[in-house]
Amino acid sequence: GMIIVNQARSGEQSVTGIVSAMAVTVSIIGGIIVLSFKTI
């Protein structure tokens, strides 16, 4: 979360793609963990 916030605050256009991929990946990993834990 700190890395994503820092990159968003920097305003650098060059990191938009990698930060977006980071956010999507974290959302998928987090979603899998949350759903698995809820089921258990």
PDB file of all heavy atoms in Angstrom:
ATOM      1  N   GLY A   1       0.812  -1.212   0.000  1.00  0.00           N
ATOM      2  CA  GLY A   1       0.000   0.000   0.000  1.00  0.00           C
ATOM      3  C   GLY A   1       0.846   1.263   0.000  1.00  0.00           C
ATOM      4  O   GLY A   1       0.529   2.233  -0.681  1.00  0.00           O
ATOM      5  N   MET A   2       1.957   1.235   0.748  1.00  0.00           N
ATOM      6  CA  MET A   2       2.841   2.389   0.812  1.00  0.00           C
ATOM      7  C   MET A   2       3.492   2.654  -0.547  1.00  0.00           C
ATOM      8  O   MET A   2       3.615   3.806  -0.979  1.00  0.00           O
ATOM      9  CB  MET A   2       3.924   2.138   1.867  1.00  0.00           C
ATOM     10  CG  MET A   2       4.860   3.317   2.126  1.00  0.00           C
ATOM     11  SD  MET A   2       4.054   4.659   3.005  1.00  0.00           S
ATOM     12  CE  MET A   2       4.091   5.942   1.784  1.00  0.00           C
ATOM     13  N   ILE A   3       3.898   1.605  -1.236  1.00  0.00           N
ATOM     14  CA  ILE A   3       4.528   1.761  -2.546  1.00  0.00           C
ATOM     15  C   ILE A   3       3.541   2.349  -3.555  1.00  0.00           C
ATOM     16  O   ILE A   3       3.878   3.266  -4.321  1.00  0.00           O
ATOM     17  CB  ILE A   3       5.077   0.411  -3.044  1.00  0.00           C
ATOM     18  CG1 ILE A   3       6.257  -0.022  -2.172  1.00  0.00           C
ATOM     19  CG2 ILE A   3       5.494   0.488  -4.502  1.00  0.00           C
ATOM     20  CD1 ILE A   3       6.793  -1.390  -2.505  1.00  0.00           C
ATOM     21  N   ILE A   4       2.321   1.839  -3.550  1.00  0.00           N
ATOM     22  CA  ILE A   4       1.310   2.350  -4.481  1.00  0.00           C
ATOM     23  C   ILE A   4       1.008   3.810  -4.194  1.00  0.00           C
ATOM     24  O   ILE A   4       0.905   4.636  -5.110  1.00  0.00           O
ATOM     25  CB  ILE A   4       0.031   1.492  -4.391  1.00  0.00           C
ATOM     26  CG1 ILE A   4       0.310   0.067  -4.893  1.00  0.00           C
ATOM     27  CG2 ILE A   4      -1.101   2.117  -5.200  1.00  0.00           C
ATOM     28  CD1 ILE A   4      -0.858  -0.881  -4.765  1.00  0.00           C
ATOM     29  N   VAL A   5       0.872   4.164  -2.923  1.00  0.00           N
ATOM     30  CA  VAL A   5       0.591   5.553  -2.547  1.00  0.00           C
ATOM     31  C   VAL A   5       1.747   6.466  -2.954  1.00  0.00           C
ATOM     32  O   VAL A   5       1.525   7.559  -3.496  1.00  0.00           O
ATOM     33  CB  VAL A   5       0.330   5.657  -1.031  1.00  0.00           C
ATOM     34  CG1 VAL A   5       0.318   7.112  -0.572  1.00  0.00           C
ATOM     35  CG2 VAL A   5      -0.992   5.000  -0.680  1.00  0.00           C
ATOM     36  N   ASN A   6       2.983   6.040  -2.717  1.00  0.00           N
ATOM     37  CA  ASN A   6       4.145   6.856  -3.080  1.00  0.00           C
ATOM     38  C   ASN A   6       4.198   7.109  -4.584  1.00  0.00           C
ATOM     39  O   ASN A   6       4.483   8.225  -5.024  1.00  0.00           O
ATOM     40  CB  ASN A   6       5.430   6.173  -2.619  1.00  0.00           C
ATOM     41  CG  ASN A   6       5.738   6.444  -1.163  1.00  0.00           C
ATOM     42  OD1 ASN A   6       5.276   7.432  -0.591  1.00  0.00           O
ATOM     43  ND2 ASN A   6       6.525   5.571  -0.549  1.00  0.00           N
ATOM     44  N   GLN A   7       3.936   6.067  -5.358  1.00  0.00           N
ATOM     45  CA  GLN A   7       3.979   6.228  -6.810  1.00  0.00           C
ATOM     46  C   GLN A   7       2.840   7.111  -7.303  1.00  0.00           C
ATOM     47  O   GLN A   7       3.021   7.900  -8.232  1.00  0.00           O
ATOM     48  CB  GLN A   7       3.926   4.856  -7.489  1.00  0.00           C
ATOM     49  CG  GLN A   7       5.120   3.969  -7.184  1.00  0.00           C
ATOM     50  CD  GLN A   7       6.442   4.639  -7.522  1.00  0.00           C
ATOM     51  OE1 GLN A   7       6.580   5.291  -8.550  1.00  0.00           O
ATOM     52  NE2 GLN A   7       7.424   4.490  -6.640  1.00  0.00           N
ATOM     53  N   ALA A   8       1.673   6.996  -6.681  1.00  0.00           N
ATOM     54  CA  ALA A   8       0.554   7.851  -7.070  1.00  0.00           C
ATOM     55  C   ALA A   8       0.830   9.309  -6.713  1.00  0.00           C
ATOM     56  O   ALA A   8       0.473  10.224  -7.463  1.00  0.00           O
ATOM     57  CB  ALA A   8      -0.724   7.369  -6.392  1.00  0.00           C
ATOM     58  N   ARG A   9       1.493   9.528  -5.574  1.00  0.00           N
ATOM     59  CA  ARG A   9       1.816  10.893  -5.154  1.00  0.00           C
ATOM     60  C   ARG A   9       2.915  11.512  -5.998  1.00  0.00           C
ATOM     61  O   ARG A   9       3.007  12.729  -6.125  1.00  0.00           O
ATOM     62  CB  ARG A   9       2.250  10.904  -3.686  1.00  0.00           C
ATOM     63  CG  ARG A   9       1.147  10.556  -2.699  1.00  0.00           C
ATOM     64  CD  ARG A   9       1.706  10.380  -1.301  1.00  0.00           C
ATOM     65  NE  ARG A   9       2.325  11.597  -0.801  1.00  0.00           N
ATOM     66  CZ  ARG A   9       3.257  11.634   0.126  1.00  0.00           C
ATOM     67  NH1 ARG A   9       3.710  10.498   0.651  1.00  0.00           N
ATOM     68  NH2 ARG A   9       3.759  12.771   0.528  1.00  0.00           N
ATOM     69  N   SER A  10       3.761  10.671  -6.575  1.00  0.00           N
ATOM     70  CA  SER A  10       4.880  11.205  -7.359  1.00  0.00           C
ATOM     71  C   SER A  10       4.412  11.890  -8.634  1.00  0.00           C
ATOM     72  O   SER A  10       5.069  12.799  -9.135  1.00  0.00           O
ATOM     73  CB  SER A  10       5.856  10.075  -7.707  1.00  0.00           C
ATOM     74  OG  SER A  10       5.274   9.170  -8.639  1.00  0.00           O
ATOM     75  N   GLY A  11       3.262  11.456  -9.179  1.00  0.00           N
ATOM     76  CA  GLY A  11       2.739  12.058 -10.397  1.00  0.00           C
ATOM     77  C   GLY A  11       3.502  11.689 -11.657  1.00  0.00           C
ATOM     78  O   GLY A  11       3.287  12.292 -12.716  1.00  0.00           O
ATOM     79  N   GLU A  12       4.393  10.719 -11.600  1.00  0.00           N
ATOM     80  CA  GLU A  12       5.175  10.307 -12.764  1.00  0.00           C
ATOM     81  C   GLU A  12       4.332   9.422 -13.681  1.00  0.00           C
ATOM     82  O   GLU A  12       3.837   8.378 -13.282  1.00  0.00           O
ATOM     83  CB  GLU A  12       6.430   9.552 -12.321  1.00  0.00           C
ATOM     84  CG  GLU A  12       7.392  10.386 -11.505  1.00  0.00           C
ATOM     85  CD  GLU A  12       8.617   9.591 -11.103  1.00  0.00           C
ATOM     86  OE1 GLU A  12       8.781   8.466 -11.625  1.00  0.00           O
ATOM     87  OE2 GLU A  12       9.408  10.078 -10.273  1.00  0.00           O
ATOM     88  N   GLN A  13       4.174   9.857 -14.916  1.00  0.00           N
ATOM     89  CA  GLN A  13       3.377   9.100 -15.879  1.00  0.00           C
ATOM     90  C   GLN A  13       4.037   7.767 -16.244  1.00  0.00           C
ATOM     91  O   GLN A  13       3.364   6.793 -16.557  1.00  0.00           O
ATOM     92  CB  GLN A  13       3.179   9.928 -17.152  1.00  0.00           C
ATOM     93  CG  GLN A  13       2.271  11.129 -16.987  1.00  0.00           C
ATOM     94  CD  GLN A  13       0.815  10.740 -16.872  1.00  0.00           C
ATOM     95  OE1 GLN A  13       0.427   9.641 -17.235  1.00  0.00           O
ATOM     96  NE2 GLN A  13       0.010  11.636 -16.338  1.00  0.00           N
ATOM     97  N   SER A  14       5.351   7.704 -16.159  1.00  0.00           N
ATOM     98  CA  SER A  14       6.070   6.518 -16.615  1.00  0.00           C
ATOM     99  C   SER A  14       5.788   5.286 -15.764  1.00  0.00           C
ATOM    100  O   SER A  14       6.039   4.157 -16.206  1.00  0.00           O
ATOM    101  CB  SER A  14       7.576   6.797 -16.642  1.00  0.00           C
ATOM    102  OG  SER A  14       8.043   7.188 -15.369  1.00  0.00           O
ATOM    103  N   VAL A  15       5.320   5.459 -14.535  1.00  0.00           N
ATOM    104  CA  VAL A  15       5.082   4.310 -13.660  1.00  0.00           C
ATOM    105  C   VAL A  15       3.603   3.936 -13.596  1.00  0.00           C
ATOM    106  O   VAL A  15       3.229   3.031 -12.850  1.00  0.00           O
ATOM    107  CB  VAL A  15       5.598   4.602 -12.232  1.00  0.00           C
ATOM    108  CG1 VAL A  15       7.088   4.873 -12.246  1.00  0.00           C
ATOM    109  CG2 VAL A  15       4.837   5.770 -11.604  1.00  0.00           C
ATOM    110  N   THR A  16       2.765   4.588 -14.375  1.00  0.00           N
ATOM    111  CA  THR A  16       1.324   4.329 -14.314  1.00  0.00           C
ATOM    112  C   THR A  16       0.999   2.878 -14.638  1.00  0.00           C
ATOM    113  O   THR A  16       0.201   2.236 -13.954  1.00  0.00           O
ATOM    114  CB  THR A  16       0.572   5.255 -15.280  1.00  0.00           C
ATOM    115  OG1 THR A  16       0.823   6.618 -14.929  1.00  0.00           O
ATOM    116  CG2 THR A  16      -0.921   4.985 -15.233  1.00  0.00           C
ATOM    117  N   GLY A  17       1.629   2.342 -15.680  1.00  0.00           N
ATOM    118  CA  GLY A  17       1.337   0.979 -16.107  1.00  0.00           C
ATOM    119  C   GLY A  17       1.718  -0.056 -15.066  1.00  0.00           C
ATOM    120  O   GLY A  17       0.923  -0.934 -14.719  1.00  0.00           O
ATOM    121  N   ILE A  18       2.935   0.048 -14.526  1.00  0.00           N
ATOM    122  CA  ILE A  18       3.416  -0.940 -13.560  1.00  0.00           C
ATOM    123  C   ILE A  18       2.649  -0.833 -12.242  1.00  0.00           C
ATOM    124  O   ILE A  18       2.331  -1.850 -11.604  1.00  0.00           O
ATOM    125  CB  ILE A  18       4.938  -0.781 -13.324  1.00  0.00           C
ATOM    126  CG1 ILE A  18       5.459  -1.909 -12.439  1.00  0.00           C
ATOM    127  CG2 ILE A  18       5.266   0.571 -12.739  1.00  0.00           C
ATOM    128  CD1 ILE A  18       5.425  -3.260 -13.056  1.00  0.00           C
ATOM    129  N   VAL A  19       2.301   0.392 -11.822  1.00  0.00           N
ATOM    130  CA  VAL A  19       1.536   0.566 -10.588  1.00  0.00           C
ATOM    131  C   VAL A  19       0.121   0.027 -10.757  1.00  0.00           C
ATOM    132  O   VAL A  19      -0.448  -0.584  -9.834  1.00  0.00           O
ATOM    133  CB  VAL A  19       1.511   2.049 -10.174  1.00  0.00           C
ATOM    134  CG1 VAL A  19       0.547   2.268  -9.020  1.00  0.00           C
ATOM    135  CG2 VAL A  19       2.904   2.513  -9.797  1.00  0.00           C
ATOM    136  N   SER A  20      -0.464   0.224 -11.938  1.00  0.00           N
ATOM    137  CA  SER A  20      -1.798  -0.322 -12.202  1.00  0.00           C
ATOM    138  C   SER A  20      -1.764  -1.844 -12.167  1.00  0.00           C
ATOM    139  O   SER A  20      -2.657  -2.489 -11.594  1.00  0.00           O
ATOM    140  CB  SER A  20      -2.303   0.160 -13.558  1.00  0.00           C
ATOM    141  OG  SER A  20      -2.449   1.569 -13.583  1.00  0.00           O
ATOM    142  N   ALA A  21      -0.737  -2.438 -12.768  1.00  0.00           N
ATOM    143  CA  ALA A  21      -0.595  -3.900 -12.735  1.00  0.00           C
ATOM    144  C   ALA A  21      -0.392  -4.387 -11.308  1.00  0.00           C
ATOM    145  O   ALA A  21      -0.890  -5.452 -10.913  1.00  0.00           O
ATOM    146  CB  ALA A  21       0.579  -4.329 -13.612  1.00  0.00           C
ATOM    147  N   MET A  22       0.337  -3.612 -10.525  1.00  0.00           N
ATOM    148  CA  MET A  22       0.558  -3.953  -9.131  1.00  0.00           C
ATOM    149  C   MET A  22      -0.768  -3.956  -8.367  1.00  0.00           C
ATOM    150  O   MET A  22      -1.058  -4.876  -7.584  1.00  0.00           O
ATOM    151  CB  MET A  22       1.517  -2.931  -8.504  1.00  0.00           C
ATOM    152  CG  MET A  22       2.050  -3.303  -7.139  1.00  0.00           C
ATOM    153  SD  MET A  22       3.000  -1.906  -6.433  1.00  0.00           S
ATOM    154  CE  MET A  22       4.134  -1.569  -7.777  1.00  0.00           C
ATOM    155  N   ALA A  23      -1.593  -2.930  -8.606  1.00  0.00           N
ATOM    156  CA  ALA A  23      -2.878  -2.831  -7.910  1.00  0.00           C
ATOM    157  C   ALA A  23      -3.807  -3.977  -8.298  1.00  0.00           C
ATOM    158  O   ALA A  23      -4.485  -4.556  -7.439  1.00  0.00           O
ATOM    159  CB  ALA A  23      -3.536  -1.486  -8.237  1.00  0.00           C
ATOM    160  N   VAL A  24      -3.829  -4.327  -9.578  1.00  0.00           N
ATOM    161  CA  VAL A  24      -4.685  -5.431 -10.031  1.00  0.00           C
ATOM    162  C   VAL A  24      -4.214  -6.750  -9.425  1.00  0.00           C
ATOM    163  O   VAL A  24      -5.013  -7.566  -8.949  1.00  0.00           O
ATOM    164  CB  VAL A  24      -4.688  -5.515 -11.573  1.00  0.00           C
ATOM    165  CG1 VAL A  24      -5.433  -6.770 -12.036  1.00  0.00           C
ATOM    166  CG2 VAL A  24      -5.322  -4.273 -12.174  1.00  0.00           C
ATOM    167  N   THR A  25      -2.900  -6.974  -9.433  1.00  0.00           N
ATOM    168  CA  THR A  25      -2.347  -8.216  -8.878  1.00  0.00           C
ATOM    169  C   THR A  25      -2.648  -8.344  -7.395  1.00  0.00           C
ATOM    170  O   THR A  25      -3.058  -9.409  -6.921  1.00  0.00           O
ATOM    171  CB  THR A  25      -0.823  -8.261  -9.106  1.00  0.00           C
ATOM    172  OG1 THR A  25      -0.545  -8.149 -10.503  1.00  0.00           O
ATOM    173  CG2 THR A  25      -0.242  -9.564  -8.576  1.00  0.00           C
ATOM    174  N   VAL A  26      -2.452  -7.260  -6.663  1.00  0.00           N
ATOM    175  CA  VAL A  26      -2.725  -7.278  -5.228  1.00  0.00           C
ATOM    176  C   VAL A  26      -4.211  -7.522  -4.965  1.00  0.00           C
ATOM    177  O   VAL A  26      -4.582  -8.259  -4.039  1.00  0.00           O
ATOM    178  CB  VAL A  26      -2.280  -5.950  -4.590  1.00  0.00           C
ATOM    179  CG1 VAL A  26      -2.777  -5.844  -3.159  1.00  0.00           C
ATOM    180  CG2 VAL A  26      -0.766  -5.833  -4.624  1.00  0.00           C
ATOM    181  N   SER A  27      -5.077  -6.940  -5.800  1.00  0.00           N
ATOM    182  CA  SER A  27      -6.520  -7.152  -5.634  1.00  0.00           C
ATOM    183  C   SER A  27      -6.886  -8.611  -5.854  1.00  0.00           C
ATOM    184  O   SER A  27      -7.715  -9.174  -5.123  1.00  0.00           O
ATOM    185  CB  SER A  27      -7.291  -6.265  -6.612  1.00  0.00           C
ATOM    186  OG  SER A  27      -7.044  -4.901  -6.363  1.00  0.00           O
ATOM    187  N   ILE A  28      -6.276  -9.236  -6.858  1.00  0.00           N
ATOM    188  CA  ILE A  28      -6.571 -10.645  -7.135  1.00  0.00           C
ATOM    189  C   ILE A  28      -6.069 -11.532  -5.996  1.00  0.00           C
ATOM    190  O   ILE A  28      -6.790 -12.409  -5.505  1.00  0.00           O
ATOM    191  CB  ILE A  28      -5.934 -11.066  -8.470  1.00  0.00           C
ATOM    192  CG1 ILE A  28      -6.608 -10.317  -9.624  1.00  0.00           C
ATOM    193  CG2 ILE A  28      -6.046 -12.575  -8.679  1.00  0.00           C
ATOM    194  CD1 ILE A  28      -5.963 -10.559 -10.973  1.00  0.00           C
ATOM    195  N   ILE A  29      -4.819 -11.309  -5.576  1.00  0.00           N
ATOM    196  CA  ILE A  29      -4.259 -12.105  -4.474  1.00  0.00           C
ATOM    197  C   ILE A  29      -5.080 -11.900  -3.201  1.00  0.00           C
ATOM    198  O   ILE A  29      -5.434 -12.863  -2.498  1.00  0.00           O
ATOM    199  CB  ILE A  29      -2.790 -11.725  -4.226  1.00  0.00           C
ATOM    200  CG1 ILE A  29      -1.935 -12.117  -5.441  1.00  0.00           C
ATOM    201  CG2 ILE A  29      -2.250 -12.420  -2.976  1.00  0.00           C
ATOM    202  CD1 ILE A  29      -0.488 -11.679  -5.335  1.00  0.00           C
ATOM    203  N   GLY A  30      -5.412 -10.645  -2.903  1.00  0.00           N
ATOM    204  CA  GLY A  30      -6.204 -10.355  -1.725  1.00  0.00           C
ATOM    205  C   GLY A  30      -7.593 -10.973  -1.801  1.00  0.00           C
ATOM    206  O   GLY A  30      -8.105 -11.502  -0.806  1.00  0.00           O
ATOM    207  N   GLY A  31      -8.211 -10.923  -2.984  1.00  0.00           N
ATOM    208  CA  GLY A  31      -9.528 -11.518  -3.151  1.00  0.00           C
ATOM    209  C   GLY A  31      -9.518 -13.016  -2.925  1.00  0.00           C
ATOM    210  O   GLY A  31     -10.425 -13.572  -2.291  1.00  0.00           O
ATOM    211  N   ILE A  32      -8.487 -13.683  -3.434  1.00  0.00           N
ATOM    212  CA  ILE A  32      -8.369 -15.135  -3.244  1.00  0.00           C
ATOM    213  C   ILE A  32      -8.205 -15.469  -1.758  1.00  0.00           C
ATOM    214  O   ILE A  32      -8.843 -16.391  -1.236  1.00  0.00           O
ATOM    215  CB  ILE A  32      -7.187 -15.685  -4.063  1.00  0.00           C
ATOM    216  CG1 ILE A  32      -7.479 -15.554  -5.559  1.00  0.00           C
ATOM    217  CG2 ILE A  32      -6.906 -17.141  -3.703  1.00  0.00           C
ATOM    218  CD1 ILE A  32      -6.301 -15.922  -6.444  1.00  0.00           C
ATOM    219  N   ILE A  33      -7.346 -14.710  -1.086  1.00  0.00           N
ATOM    220  CA  ILE A  33      -7.120 -14.951   0.351  1.00  0.00           C
ATOM    221  C   ILE A  33      -8.400 -14.705   1.148  1.00  0.00           C
ATOM    222  O   ILE A  33      -8.772 -15.505   2.024  1.00  0.00           O
ATOM    223  CB  ILE A  33      -5.981 -14.061   0.874  1.00  0.00           C
ATOM    224  CG1 ILE A  33      -4.656 -14.464   0.230  1.00  0.00           C
ATOM    225  CG2 ILE A  33      -5.870 -14.160   2.387  1.00  0.00           C
ATOM    226  CD1 ILE A  33      -3.493 -13.574   0.598  1.00  0.00           C
ATOM    227  N   VAL A  34      -9.103 -13.618   0.843  1.00  0.00           N
ATOM    228  CA  VAL A  34     -10.322 -13.275   1.576  1.00  0.00           C
ATOM    229  C   VAL A  34     -11.400 -14.335   1.376  1.00  0.00           C
ATOM    230  O   VAL A  34     -12.020 -14.807   2.345  1.00  0.00           O
ATOM    231  CB  VAL A  34     -10.842 -11.885   1.133  1.00  0.00           C
ATOM    232  CG1 VAL A  34     -12.266 -11.673   1.623  1.00  0.00           C
ATOM    233  CG2 VAL A  34      -9.946 -10.787   1.664  1.00  0.00           C
ATOM    234  N   LEU A  35     -11.647 -14.726   0.138  1.00  0.00           N
ATOM    235  CA  LEU A  35     -12.692 -15.718  -0.136  1.00  0.00           C
ATOM    236  C   LEU A  35     -12.342 -17.071   0.468  1.00  0.00           C
ATOM    237  O   LEU A  35     -13.220 -17.766   1.003  1.00  0.00           O
ATOM    238  CB  LEU A  35     -12.893 -15.845  -1.649  1.00  0.00           C
ATOM    239  CG  LEU A  35     -13.505 -14.622  -2.348  1.00  0.00           C
ATOM    240  CD1 LEU A  35     -13.568 -14.838  -3.841  1.00  0.00           C
ATOM    241  CD2 LEU A  35     -14.902 -14.330  -1.794  1.00  0.00           C
ATOM    242  N   SER A  36     -11.066 -17.455   0.398  1.00  0.00           N
ATOM    243  CA  SER A  36     -10.647 -18.739   0.974  1.00  0.00           C
ATOM    244  C   SER A  36     -10.822 -18.723   2.486  1.00  0.00           C
ATOM    245  O   SER A  36     -11.337 -19.682   3.081  1.00  0.00           O
ATOM    246  CB  SER A  36      -9.186 -19.029   0.616  1.00  0.00           C
ATOM    247  OG  SER A  36      -9.012 -19.086  -0.781  1.00  0.00           O
ATOM    248  N   PHE A  37     -10.400 -17.631   3.106  1.00  0.00           N
ATOM    249  CA  PHE A  37     -10.510 -17.537   4.554  1.00  0.00           C
ATOM    250  C   PHE A  37     -11.978 -17.507   4.987  1.00  0.00           C
ATOM    251  O   PHE A  37     -12.350 -18.152   5.984  1.00  0.00           O
ATOM    252  CB  PHE A  37      -9.792 -16.280   5.046  1.00  0.00           C
ATOM    253  CG  PHE A  37      -9.838 -16.102   6.530  1.00  0.00           C
ATOM    254  CD1 PHE A  37      -8.975 -16.811   7.350  1.00  0.00           C
ATOM    255  CD2 PHE A  37     -10.752 -15.235   7.119  1.00  0.00           C
ATOM    256  CE1 PHE A  37      -9.010 -16.658   8.731  1.00  0.00           C
ATOM    257  CE2 PHE A  37     -10.801 -15.076   8.490  1.00  0.00           C
ATOM    258  CZ  PHE A  37      -9.924 -15.792   9.284  1.00  0.00           C
ATOM    259  N   LYS A  38     -12.816 -16.780   4.267  1.00  0.00           N
ATOM    260  CA  LYS A  38     -14.242 -16.706   4.603  1.00  0.00           C
ATOM    261  C   LYS A  38     -14.886 -18.084   4.508  1.00  0.00           C
ATOM    262  O   LYS A  38     -15.694 -18.468   5.365  1.00  0.00           O
ATOM    263  CB  LYS A  38     -14.943 -15.720   3.672  1.00  0.00           C
ATOM    264  CG  LYS A  38     -16.409 -15.478   4.006  1.00  0.00           C
ATOM    265  CD  LYS A  38     -16.973 -14.402   3.109  1.00  0.00           C
ATOM    266  CE  LYS A  38     -18.424 -14.092   3.487  1.00  0.00           C
ATOM    267  NZ  LYS A  38     -19.321 -15.233   3.247  1.00  0.00           N
ATOM    268  N   THR A  39     -14.540 -18.843   3.482  1.00  0.00           N
ATOM    269  CA  THR A  39     -15.085 -20.189   3.327  1.00  0.00           C
ATOM    270  C   THR A  39     -14.673 -21.086   4.481  1.00  0.00           C
ATOM    271  O   THR A  39     -15.483 -21.857   5.019  1.00  0.00           O
ATOM    272  CB  THR A  39     -14.608 -20.800   2.003  1.00  0.00           C
ATOM    273  OG1 THR A  39     -15.018 -19.960   0.917  1.00  0.00           O
ATOM    274  CG2 THR A  39     -15.200 -22.191   1.801  1.00  0.00           C
ATOM    275  N   ILE A  40     -13.424 -20.982   4.884  1.00  0.00           N
ATOM    276  CA  ILE A  40     -12.932 -21.800   6.006  1.00  0.00           C
ATOM    277  C   ILE A  40     -13.613 -21.400   7.314  1.00  0.00           C
ATOM    278  O   ILE A  40     -14.042 -22.253   8.094  1.00  0.00           O
ATOM    279  CB  ILE A  40     -11.400 -21.662   6.135  1.00  0.00           C
ATOM    280  CG1 ILE A  40     -10.711 -22.252   4.901  1.00  0.00           C
ATOM    281  CG2 ILE A  40     -10.897 -22.353   7.399  1.00  0.00           C
ATOM    282  CD1 ILE A  40      -9.222 -22.000   4.852  1.00  0.00           C
TER     283      ILE A  40
END
